Amino acid sequence: MRALSGLHLPGFSLALLACWLGLGPASAETRVALVIGNGAYASTARLPNPSHDAEDVAASLRRSGFEVIQGVDLRQADMQDLTIRFARAASRADVALFYYSGHAMQYNGVNYLMPVDASLTDEADLKRFVRVDDIVNDLQQAKNLRILVLDSCRDNPLAETLKRSAGTTRAASIGRGLSKVEAPRGTIVSFSTQSGQVAADGVGRNSPYTTAFLKHIEEPQEIGDVFRDISSDVYDASGKTQLPELSLSIIGKFYLNGPVAVTVAPAAPQAAPRPDPCAAAEAHWKAADGIGTVSVFEDHLARFSSCSFAGLAKARIDSLKQKVAVAPSGNARTTGSNDFDGHWDVTLNCPPTGKAQGFTRPLVATVANGVFHAEAQGKDVNRLEIDGQIPADGKTTLSARGTTGASAYTLNNLAPGSPYAFTVDAQFDRTRGSGKRNEARPCNLVFVKR
């Protein structure tokens, strides 16, 4: 294990120059980073890149004015010690960055980072790993900007061991790669590839993702553009097979290197700043994403066409329209099959996902002339209705809509009574059926005819 920090001489010289000009310090920011590279695993194959990745990233961040806590090939106790040091440092920092290269995995929607001495015989061993959610919480203590970088979506052989011990039912909770992490406000989250996918290790000194990170992180560009360039480089270098996951939730512009932010008293009154047209984009997007219909995404695109979530809105619109295009024609779906008519009990089960708690919810359904309608019992704000048609082959897509209950059970900590919607791909036979929720979080449905 190595834990190092150093003085950033270029930033110091720049501050002296600003003082000579009578402008005060160029930047009073405190920047801290925790950089970890784990490759020498005891219970699985060694990864060649992480030690080099951590060494090179730490050096680069020091050149950009970071106080760096660095560790290579860390055992469980060492990782805990460094994350505790980082949490304390982040609490007094303006900018905090966490970088990890090595093995990681997701279980039940929660992401875990793997110490080199970790073994994984059953899910209890996951307590020896570092939870990414805990790192995100530590980052939130920084005052201005938080950055989470995980070059860790490699294929993890130990996940297969856990699948075998978990059995056929719980093994479904062990996904490929990592689970998506939505960036809290003031945060950038960058994974080496998309959630649920695995990334290449590469053949050079550094992994493909870290190679791109080192190329761009010191450039004098706005930080959002820096990470977009990193993603673009990885995508192109991989032959368009590896696309980094990037989630940004930042307002305004921030530079690690570039224009020097110096506060000077104005010589004359200045015009009031123009309002930021994207200031409300994040809140509107979260509401739109919760509802999930074409019309609400089109409304977001009309209001915020040049803002951060415009691309996502276009993608969601295209995806929803494509589902409509490939569905059976309207005439074929106006009436269903009466083979399924009667009363049904429905159970919706959603396991814990990220910080959202899991829950099981019963619904009562009626099918008449193939028309399916289900409602959750209860008179509080937490409503849910599911509707659709069941054709003769029993294969259908149902539409669900409702309003949220307690915030602890929602992905984005939504207020009670917030609207949401999703679709369910379902398959019925005459007395039973099963379904899977398509959007937002993994949920399963079981249908039993009375």
Protein backbone atom coordinates (compact mmCIF):
# COMPACT_ATOMS: atom_id res chain seq x y z
CA MET A 1 0.00 0.00 0.00
CA ARG A 2 1.16 3.47 -0.83
CA ALA A 3 -0.34 6.65 0.57
CA LEU A 4 1.24 9.75 -0.90
CA SER A 5 0.48 13.45 -1.28
CA GLY A 6 2.44 16.28 -2.76
CA LEU A 7 2.77 20.00 -3.38
CA HIS A 8 1.39 21.29 -6.67
CA LEU A 9 4.11 23.68 -7.82
CA PRO A 10 2.48 25.00 -11.03
CA GLY A 11 -0.64 26.04 -9.10
CA PHE A 12 1.57 27.66 -6.45
CA SER A 13 3.47 29.62 -9.09
CA LEU A 14 0.21 30.75 -10.66
CA ALA A 15 -1.01 31.97 -7.29
CA LEU A 16 2.23 34.01 -6.88
CA LEU A 17 1.73 35.55 -10.32
CA ALA A 18 -1.82 36.55 -9.42
CA CYS A 19 -0.57 38.17 -6.21
CA TRP A 20 2.04 40.15 -8.17
CA LEU A 21 -0.77 41.46 -10.38
CA GLY A 22 -2.71 42.59 -7.33
CA LEU A 23 -5.53 40.11 -7.91
CA GLY A 24 -5.14 37.88 -4.85
CA PRO A 25 -4.76 34.10 -4.99
CA ALA A 26 -5.71 32.46 -8.30
CA SER A 27 -7.64 29.76 -6.48
CA ALA A 28 -8.30 29.06 -2.81
CA GLU A 29 -9.77 25.66 -3.56
CA THR A 30 -8.85 22.58 -1.61
CA ARG A 31 -8.77 19.52 -3.88
CA VAL A 32 -8.48 15.98 -2.52
CA ALA A 33 -8.44 12.63 -4.31
CA LEU A 34 -8.34 8.97 -3.33
CA VAL A 35 -6.72 6.82 -6.04
CA ILE A 36 -6.76 3.01 -5.73
CA GLY A 37 -5.42 0.35 -8.10
CA ASN A 38 -6.06 -3.28 -7.13
CA GLY A 39 -4.61 -5.98 -9.37
CA ALA A 40 -2.70 -8.58 -7.31
CA TYR A 41 -5.74 -10.63 -6.26
CA ALA A 42 -5.10 -13.71 -4.12
CA SER A 43 -8.20 -15.68 -5.12
CA THR A 44 -8.45 -14.88 -8.83
CA ALA A 45 -6.30 -13.95 -11.81
CA ARG A 46 -4.00 -10.92 -11.49
CA LEU A 47 -4.93 -7.75 -13.39
CA PRO A 48 -1.85 -6.17 -15.01
CA ASN A 49 -3.08 -2.59 -15.43
CA PRO A 50 -4.46 -1.25 -12.10
CA SER A 51 -1.12 -0.57 -10.37
CA HIS A 52 0.09 1.43 -13.41
CA ASP A 53 -3.32 3.10 -13.75
CA ALA A 54 -3.26 4.29 -10.12
CA GLU A 55 0.34 5.50 -10.31
CA ASP A 56 -0.22 7.52 -13.48
CA VAL A 57 -3.60 8.95 -12.42
CA ALA A 58 -2.19 10.03 -9.04
CA ALA A 59 0.68 11.86 -10.75
CA SER A 60 -1.72 13.57 -13.15
CA LEU A 61 -4.04 14.73 -10.38
CA ARG A 62 -1.13 16.13 -8.37
CA ARG A 63 -0.20 18.23 -11.40
CA SER A 64 -3.77 19.58 -11.30
CA GLY A 65 -3.49 20.68 -7.67
CA PHE A 66 -4.94 17.67 -5.84
CA GLU A 67 -3.77 16.36 -2.50
CA VAL A 68 -3.69 12.66 -3.38
CA ILE A 69 -4.21 9.68 -1.10
CA GLN A 70 -2.90 6.71 -3.08
CA GLY A 71 -3.09 2.96 -2.56
CA VAL A 72 -2.04 -0.03 -4.66
CA ASP A 73 -3.02 -3.69 -4.13
CA LEU A 74 -4.94 -2.98 -0.94
CA ARG A 75 -6.19 -5.58 1.49
CA GLN A 76 -9.56 -5.13 3.16
CA ALA A 77 -8.17 -3.33 6.23
CA ASP A 78 -6.03 -1.04 4.08
CA MET A 79 -9.00 -0.07 1.87
CA GLN A 80 -11.07 0.74 4.94
CA ASP A 81 -8.27 2.87 6.38
CA LEU A 82 -7.83 4.88 3.18
CA THR A 83 -11.57 5.42 2.65
CA ILE A 84 -11.84 6.72 6.23
CA ARG A 85 -8.92 9.13 5.58
CA PHE A 86 -10.60 10.23 2.36
CA ALA A 87 -13.96 10.83 4.08
CA ARG A 88 -12.24 13.15 6.57
CA ALA A 89 -10.34 14.96 3.82
CA ALA A 90 -13.46 15.38 1.67
CA SER A 91 -15.29 17.08 4.54
CA ARG A 92 -12.88 20.04 4.33
CA ALA A 93 -12.44 20.07 0.53
CA ASP A 94 -13.98 22.13 -2.22
CA VAL A 95 -13.36 19.38 -4.81
CA ALA A 96 -13.20 15.64 -4.09
CA LEU A 97 -12.38 12.88 -6.59
CA PHE A 98 -12.40 9.09 -6.16
CA TYR A 99 -10.67 6.88 -8.76
CA TYR A 100 -10.63 3.07 -8.67
CA SER A 101 -9.08 0.53 -11.04
CA GLY A 102 -9.60 -3.15 -10.32
CA HIS A 103 -12.29 -5.79 -9.81
CA ALA A 104 -15.82 -4.82 -8.77
CA MET A 105 -19.26 -6.35 -9.01
CA GLN A 106 -22.94 -5.69 -8.43
CA TYR A 107 -25.30 -7.69 -6.24
CA ASN A 108 -28.97 -6.86 -5.83
CA GLY A 109 -28.38 -3.52 -7.55
CA VAL A 110 -25.58 -2.49 -5.16
CA ASN A 111 -22.02 -2.02 -6.44
CA TYR A 112 -19.00 -3.34 -4.52
CA LEU A 113 -15.23 -2.75 -4.91
CA MET A 114 -12.95 -5.73 -4.22
CA PRO A 115 -9.85 -5.78 -1.98
CA VAL A 116 -7.01 -8.03 -3.15
CA ASP A 117 -7.47 -10.47 -0.24
CA ALA A 118 -11.21 -10.90 -0.78
CA SER A 119 -12.84 -14.28 -1.13
CA LEU A 120 -16.46 -14.82 -2.10
CA THR A 121 -18.08 -18.04 -0.96
CA ASP A 122 -21.52 -16.54 -0.26
CA GLU A 123 -23.23 -13.15 -0.02
CA ALA A 124 -22.06 -12.62 3.58
CA ASP A 125 -18.52 -12.16 2.21
CA LEU A 126 -19.69 -8.98 0.46
CA LYS A 127 -19.35 -7.26 3.84
CA ARG A 128 -15.59 -7.45 3.25
CA PHE A 129 -15.95 -5.34 0.11
CA VAL A 130 -16.27 -1.54 -0.16
CA ARG A 131 -19.74 -0.30 -1.13
CA VAL A 132 -19.75 2.32 -3.88
CA ASP A 133 -22.76 3.95 -2.20
CA ASP A 134 -20.56 4.69 0.82
CA ILE A 135 -17.96 6.37 -1.41
CA VAL A 136 -20.68 8.48 -3.05
CA ASN A 137 -21.82 9.59 0.42
CA ASP A 138 -18.26 10.54 1.37
CA LEU A 139 -17.89 12.56 -1.84
CA GLN A 140 -21.02 14.57 -1.03
CA GLN A 141 -19.18 16.29 1.83
CA ALA A 142 -17.09 18.33 -0.64
CA LYS A 143 -18.44 21.84 -1.09
CA ASN A 144 -18.35 22.42 -4.86
CA LEU A 145 -17.61 19.43 -7.10
CA ARG A 146 -17.50 15.65 -6.60
CA ILE A 147 -16.17 13.15 -9.14
CA LEU A 148 -16.51 9.35 -9.05
CA VAL A 149 -14.42 7.39 -11.58
CA LEU A 150 -14.63 3.58 -11.71
CA ASP A 151 -12.41 1.77 -14.21
CA SER A 152 -13.68 -1.48 -12.79
CA CYS A 153 -16.35 -3.04 -14.98
CA ARG A 154 -14.10 -6.01 -15.78
CA ASP A 155 -15.49 -9.53 -15.88
CA ASN A 156 -15.18 -10.77 -12.27
CA PRO A 157 -14.67 -14.57 -11.95
CA LEU A 158 -15.71 -14.50 -8.28
CA ALA A 159 -19.20 -13.44 -9.32
CA GLU A 160 -19.68 -16.91 -10.82
CA THR A 161 -18.73 -18.47 -7.48
CA LEU A 162 -21.37 -16.36 -5.74
CA LYS A 163 -23.96 -17.32 -8.35
CA ARG A 164 -23.38 -21.01 -7.67
CA SER A 165 -23.69 -20.54 -3.91
CA ALA A 166 -26.77 -18.31 -4.26
CA GLY A 167 -28.82 -20.89 -6.17
CA THR A 168 -31.08 -20.34 -9.14
CA THR A 169 -33.44 -17.87 -7.44
CA ARG A 170 -31.03 -15.34 -5.90
CA ALA A 171 -28.41 -15.73 -8.63
CA ALA A 172 -30.55 -13.45 -10.79
CA SER A 173 -29.55 -10.60 -8.46
CA ILE A 174 -25.91 -10.87 -9.62
CA GLY A 175 -25.56 -8.83 -12.80
CA ARG A 176 -22.76 -8.32 -15.30
CA GLY A 177 -20.55 -5.30 -14.80
CA LEU A 178 -21.87 -2.61 -12.47
CA SER A 179 -25.27 -1.19 -11.67
CA LYS A 180 -26.01 2.34 -12.87
CA VAL A 181 -25.30 5.16 -10.41
CA GLU A 182 -27.23 8.39 -10.92
CA ALA A 183 -25.06 11.42 -10.16
CA PRO A 184 -26.33 13.46 -7.20
CA ARG A 185 -26.37 17.21 -7.69
CA GLY A 186 -22.89 18.67 -8.07
CA THR A 187 -21.44 15.29 -9.04
CA ILE A 188 -19.90 13.57 -12.07
CA VAL A 189 -20.04 9.76 -12.28
CA SER A 190 -17.95 8.04 -14.95
CA PHE A 191 -17.73 4.25 -15.45
CA SER A 192 -15.35 2.66 -17.96
CA THR A 193 -18.34 1.13 -19.77
CA GLN A 194 -22.13 1.06 -19.65
CA SER A 195 -23.88 -0.38 -16.62
CA GLY A 196 -24.44 -4.11 -17.01
CA GLN A 197 -21.50 -4.44 -19.43
CA VAL A 198 -17.84 -5.43 -19.00
CA ALA A 199 -14.80 -3.40 -20.06
CA ALA A 200 -11.57 -4.49 -21.73
CA ASP A 201 -8.28 -4.59 -19.78
CA GLY A 202 -6.22 -3.55 -22.83
CA VAL A 203 -2.72 -4.62 -23.76
CA GLY A 204 -0.68 -1.51 -22.88
CA ARG A 205 0.52 0.01 -19.63
CA ASN A 206 -2.95 1.40 -18.92
CA SER A 207 -6.48 0.22 -19.55
CA PRO A 208 -8.32 1.80 -22.53
CA TYR A 209 -10.41 3.97 -20.21
CA THR A 210 -7.49 5.20 -18.11
CA THR A 211 -5.48 5.88 -21.27
CA ALA A 212 -8.22 8.28 -22.38
CA PHE A 213 -8.56 9.72 -18.85
CA LEU A 214 -4.84 10.55 -18.71
CA LYS A 215 -4.99 12.12 -22.17
CA HIS A 216 -7.75 14.58 -21.31
CA ILE A 217 -7.91 15.21 -17.54
CA GLU A 218 -5.21 17.90 -17.59
CA GLU A 219 -6.58 19.73 -20.62
CA PRO A 220 -7.79 23.33 -20.08
CA GLN A 221 -11.39 22.44 -20.88
CA GLU A 222 -14.63 22.62 -18.90
CA ILE A 223 -14.89 19.47 -16.75
CA GLY A 224 -18.05 18.19 -18.43
CA ASP A 225 -16.38 18.46 -21.84
CA VAL A 226 -13.31 16.66 -20.47
CA PHE A 227 -15.35 13.61 -19.49
CA ARG A 228 -17.31 13.65 -22.74
CA ASP A 229 -13.99 13.60 -24.62
CA ILE A 230 -12.82 10.67 -22.47
CA SER A 231 -15.96 8.71 -23.33
CA SER A 232 -15.62 9.52 -27.03
CA ASP A 233 -11.99 8.38 -27.11
CA VAL A 234 -12.78 5.04 -25.45
CA TYR A 235 -15.70 4.45 -27.81
CA ASP A 236 -13.58 5.15 -30.90
CA ALA A 237 -10.51 3.24 -29.68
CA SER A 238 -12.61 0.14 -28.90
CA GLY A 239 -14.09 0.00 -32.39
CA LYS A 240 -17.38 1.31 -30.98
CA THR A 241 -17.79 -1.69 -28.64
CA GLN A 242 -17.10 -0.01 -25.28
CA LEU A 243 -19.03 3.15 -24.38
CA PRO A 244 -18.31 4.63 -20.92
CA GLU A 245 -21.27 5.37 -18.66
CA LEU A 246 -21.38 9.10 -17.88
CA SER A 247 -23.79 10.88 -15.55
CA LEU A 248 -23.35 14.60 -14.88
CA SER A 249 -25.41 16.71 -12.50
CA ILE A 250 -23.53 20.00 -12.40
CA ILE A 251 -24.70 23.56 -12.88
CA GLY A 252 -22.34 26.14 -14.33
CA LYS A 253 -18.79 25.51 -15.50
CA PHE A 254 -15.76 24.16 -13.69
CA TYR A 255 -12.15 23.86 -14.82
CA LEU A 256 -9.48 21.69 -13.21
CA ASN A 257 -6.98 23.41 -15.50
CA GLY A 258 -7.74 26.44 -17.62
CA PRO A 259 -9.35 29.83 -16.96
CA VAL A 260 -8.30 31.01 -13.51
CA ALA A 261 -11.24 31.88 -11.30
CA VAL A 262 -10.19 35.16 -9.65
CA THR A 263 -12.68 37.30 -7.73
CA VAL A 264 -12.05 41.03 -8.30
CA ALA A 265 -14.24 43.90 -7.10
CA PRO A 266 -15.82 45.46 -10.23
CA ALA A 267 -14.78 48.99 -11.13
CA ALA A 268 -18.31 49.83 -12.26
CA PRO A 269 -21.76 48.30 -11.86
CA GLN A 270 -22.28 45.32 -14.11
CA ALA A 271 -25.39 44.10 -15.79
CA ALA A 272 -27.31 41.38 -14.00
CA PRO A 273 -26.27 37.91 -15.15
CA ARG A 274 -28.51 36.24 -17.69
CA PRO A 275 -30.65 33.48 -16.19
CA ASP A 276 -29.38 29.96 -16.83
CA PRO A 277 -31.83 28.32 -19.31
CA CYS A 278 -30.85 24.90 -17.97
CA ALA A 279 -31.29 25.67 -14.26
CA ALA A 280 -34.56 23.74 -14.02
CA ALA A 281 -33.59 20.98 -16.46
CA GLU A 282 -32.52 18.44 -13.83
CA ALA A 283 -35.71 18.68 -11.77
CA HIS A 284 -37.89 18.53 -14.88
CA TRP A 285 -35.95 15.51 -16.19
CA LYS A 286 -36.39 13.53 -12.96
CA ALA A 287 -40.13 14.16 -13.08
CA ALA A 288 -40.29 13.23 -16.78
CA ASP A 289 -38.23 10.10 -16.26
CA GLY A 290 -40.57 9.01 -13.49
CA ILE A 291 -43.64 9.34 -15.77
CA GLY A 292 -41.91 7.77 -18.76
CA THR A 293 -44.27 8.64 -21.64
CA VAL A 294 -43.45 9.95 -25.12
CA SER A 295 -45.40 13.16 -24.55
CA VAL A 296 -43.58 14.08 -21.34
CA PHE A 297 -40.15 13.41 -22.93
CA GLU A 298 -41.16 15.55 -25.93
CA ASP A 299 -42.17 18.32 -23.51
CA HIS A 300 -38.74 18.13 -21.85
CA LEU A 301 -37.04 18.32 -25.24
CA ALA A 302 -39.09 21.38 -26.20
CA ARG A 303 -38.24 23.19 -22.96
CA PHE A 304 -34.58 22.20 -22.60
CA SER A 305 -33.33 21.31 -26.09
CA SER A 306 -29.77 22.52 -25.41
CA CYS A 307 -29.38 21.14 -21.88
CA SER A 308 -27.76 18.05 -20.39
CA PHE A 309 -30.68 15.64 -20.65
CA ALA A 310 -31.78 16.46 -24.22
CA GLY A 311 -29.88 13.50 -25.67
CA LEU A 312 -31.42 11.12 -23.15
CA ALA A 313 -34.88 12.47 -23.90
CA LYS A 314 -34.41 11.83 -27.63
CA ALA A 315 -33.21 8.29 -26.92
CA ARG A 316 -36.21 7.56 -24.69
CA ILE A 317 -38.61 8.91 -27.32
CA ASP A 318 -37.04 6.77 -30.04
CA SER A 319 -37.12 3.69 -27.82
CA LEU A 320 -40.78 4.13 -26.86
CA LYS A 321 -41.84 4.79 -30.44
CA GLN A 322 -39.95 1.72 -31.59
CA LYS A 323 -41.85 -0.42 -29.08
CA VAL A 324 -45.12 0.91 -30.47
CA ALA A 325 -43.98 0.26 -34.05
CA VAL A 326 -43.19 -3.41 -33.44
CA ALA A 327 -46.31 -4.10 -31.34
CA PRO A 328 -49.30 -5.87 -32.99
CA SER A 329 -51.63 -3.58 -34.91
CA GLY A 330 -54.48 -1.81 -33.16
CA ASN A 331 -57.13 -4.00 -34.77
CA ALA A 332 -55.42 -7.11 -33.46
CA ARG A 333 -55.36 -5.73 -29.91
CA THR A 334 -58.77 -4.07 -29.54
CA THR A 335 -60.16 -7.28 -28.08
CA GLY A 336 -58.32 -9.95 -26.16
CA SER A 337 -59.06 -13.61 -25.57
CA ASN A 338 -61.79 -14.55 -23.09
CA ASP A 339 -59.73 -17.64 -22.17
CA PHE A 340 -58.22 -15.56 -19.36
CA ASP A 341 -61.43 -13.95 -18.09
CA GLY A 342 -61.97 -13.97 -14.35
CA HIS A 343 -60.43 -12.66 -11.14
CA TRP A 344 -56.67 -12.74 -10.58
CA ASP A 345 -54.33 -12.08 -7.68
CA VAL A 346 -51.19 -10.14 -8.66
CA THR A 347 -47.97 -9.81 -6.64
CA LEU A 348 -45.40 -7.15 -7.54
CA ASN A 349 -41.94 -7.79 -6.04
CA CYS A 350 -39.16 -5.19 -6.35
CA PRO A 351 -35.82 -6.08 -4.65
CA PRO A 352 -33.62 -3.36 -3.10
CA THR A 353 -31.96 -1.26 -5.80
CA GLY A 354 -29.23 1.21 -4.88
CA LYS A 355 -30.52 3.14 -1.86
CA ALA A 356 -34.15 2.29 -2.61
CA GLN A 357 -35.62 -0.30 -0.24
CA GLY A 358 -37.28 -3.40 -1.66
CA PHE A 359 -40.99 -4.10 -1.34
CA THR A 360 -43.73 -6.59 -2.21
CA ARG A 361 -47.17 -5.30 -3.19
CA PRO A 362 -50.43 -7.20 -3.81
CA LEU A 363 -52.94 -6.14 -6.45
CA VAL A 364 -56.40 -7.42 -7.41
CA ALA A 365 -57.10 -7.85 -11.12
CA THR A 366 -60.09 -8.54 -13.32
CA VAL A 367 -60.01 -9.80 -16.91
CA ALA A 368 -63.15 -9.39 -19.03
CA ASN A 369 -63.16 -10.18 -22.76
CA GLY A 370 -59.37 -10.24 -22.58
CA VAL A 371 -59.18 -6.73 -21.08
CA PHE A 372 -56.87 -6.72 -18.04
CA HIS A 373 -57.19 -4.20 -15.19
CA ALA A 374 -55.44 -4.39 -11.81
CA GLU A 375 -55.42 -2.03 -8.84
CA ALA A 376 -53.44 -1.94 -5.61
CA GLN A 377 -55.61 -1.85 -2.53
CA GLY A 378 -55.37 1.15 -0.21
CA LYS A 379 -56.50 4.76 -0.06
CA ASP A 380 -53.21 6.58 0.57
CA VAL A 381 -51.17 8.49 -2.02
CA ASN A 382 -49.33 5.33 -3.07
CA ARG A 383 -51.57 4.28 -5.99
CA LEU A 384 -50.89 1.74 -8.75
CA GLU A 385 -53.02 0.57 -11.68
CA ILE A 386 -52.05 -1.85 -14.47
CA ASP A 387 -53.98 -2.17 -17.74
CA GLY A 388 -53.74 -3.98 -21.04
CA GLN A 389 -55.09 -6.62 -23.42
CA ILE A 390 -54.31 -10.36 -23.26
CA PRO A 391 -54.35 -11.98 -26.73
CA ALA A 392 -54.96 -15.67 -27.35
CA ASP A 393 -51.26 -16.60 -27.03
CA GLY A 394 -51.07 -14.94 -23.59
CA LYS A 395 -48.06 -12.79 -24.48
CA THR A 396 -48.61 -9.09 -23.90
CA THR A 397 -47.20 -5.77 -22.72
CA LEU A 398 -49.13 -4.08 -19.92
CA SER A 399 -49.02 -0.40 -18.94
CA ALA A 400 -48.69 0.63 -15.30
CA ARG A 401 -49.14 4.06 -13.76
CA GLY A 402 -49.42 5.40 -10.26
CA THR A 403 -48.07 7.72 -7.61
CA THR A 404 -45.24 7.04 -5.17
CA GLY A 405 -45.54 6.32 -1.46
CA ALA A 406 -42.70 6.68 1.04
CA SER A 407 -39.52 8.18 -0.45
CA ALA A 408 -37.35 5.35 0.93
CA TYR A 409 -38.82 2.98 -1.66
CA THR A 410 -38.07 5.20 -4.70
CA LEU A 411 -34.89 5.31 -6.78
CA ASN A 412 -34.46 9.08 -6.72
CA ASN A 413 -35.91 9.82 -3.26
CA LEU A 414 -39.08 11.19 -4.84
CA ALA A 415 -41.64 12.96 -2.69
CA PRO A 416 -44.77 10.93 -1.80
CA GLY A 417 -47.46 11.36 -4.45
CA SER A 418 -45.03 11.82 -7.36
CA PRO A 419 -46.40 10.33 -10.62
CA TYR A 420 -44.61 7.46 -12.34
CA ALA A 421 -45.26 4.94 -15.11
CA PHE A 422 -43.70 1.80 -16.55
CA THR A 423 -44.47 -1.17 -18.83
CA VAL A 424 -44.57 -4.88 -18.05
CA ASP A 425 -43.76 -7.70 -20.46
CA ALA A 426 -46.02 -10.55 -19.36
CA GLN A 427 -46.87 -14.11 -20.34
CA PHE A 428 -50.14 -15.74 -19.24
CA ASP A 429 -51.48 -19.26 -19.38
CA ARG A 430 -55.01 -20.13 -18.29
CA THR A 431 -54.36 -20.07 -14.54
CA ARG A 432 -50.96 -18.43 -13.98
CA GLY A 433 -48.70 -15.80 -15.44
CA SER A 434 -45.43 -13.96 -14.91
CA GLY A 435 -44.11 -10.55 -15.85
CA LYS A 436 -41.06 -8.30 -15.72
CA ARG A 437 -40.93 -4.54 -15.34
CA ASN A 438 -39.04 -2.92 -18.23
CA GLU A 439 -38.00 0.48 -16.93
CA ALA A 440 -36.05 2.02 -14.00
CA ARG A 441 -35.64 -0.90 -11.58
CA PRO A 442 -35.87 -4.71 -11.81
CA CYS A 443 -39.27 -5.91 -10.57
CA ASN A 444 -41.09 -9.20 -11.11
CA LEU A 445 -44.82 -9.88 -11.20
CA VAL A 446 -46.70 -13.11 -10.52
CA PHE A 447 -50.33 -13.59 -11.68
CA VAL A 448 -52.54 -16.34 -10.15
CA LYS A 449 -56.13 -16.92 -11.24
CA ARG A 450 -58.58 -17.47 -8.42
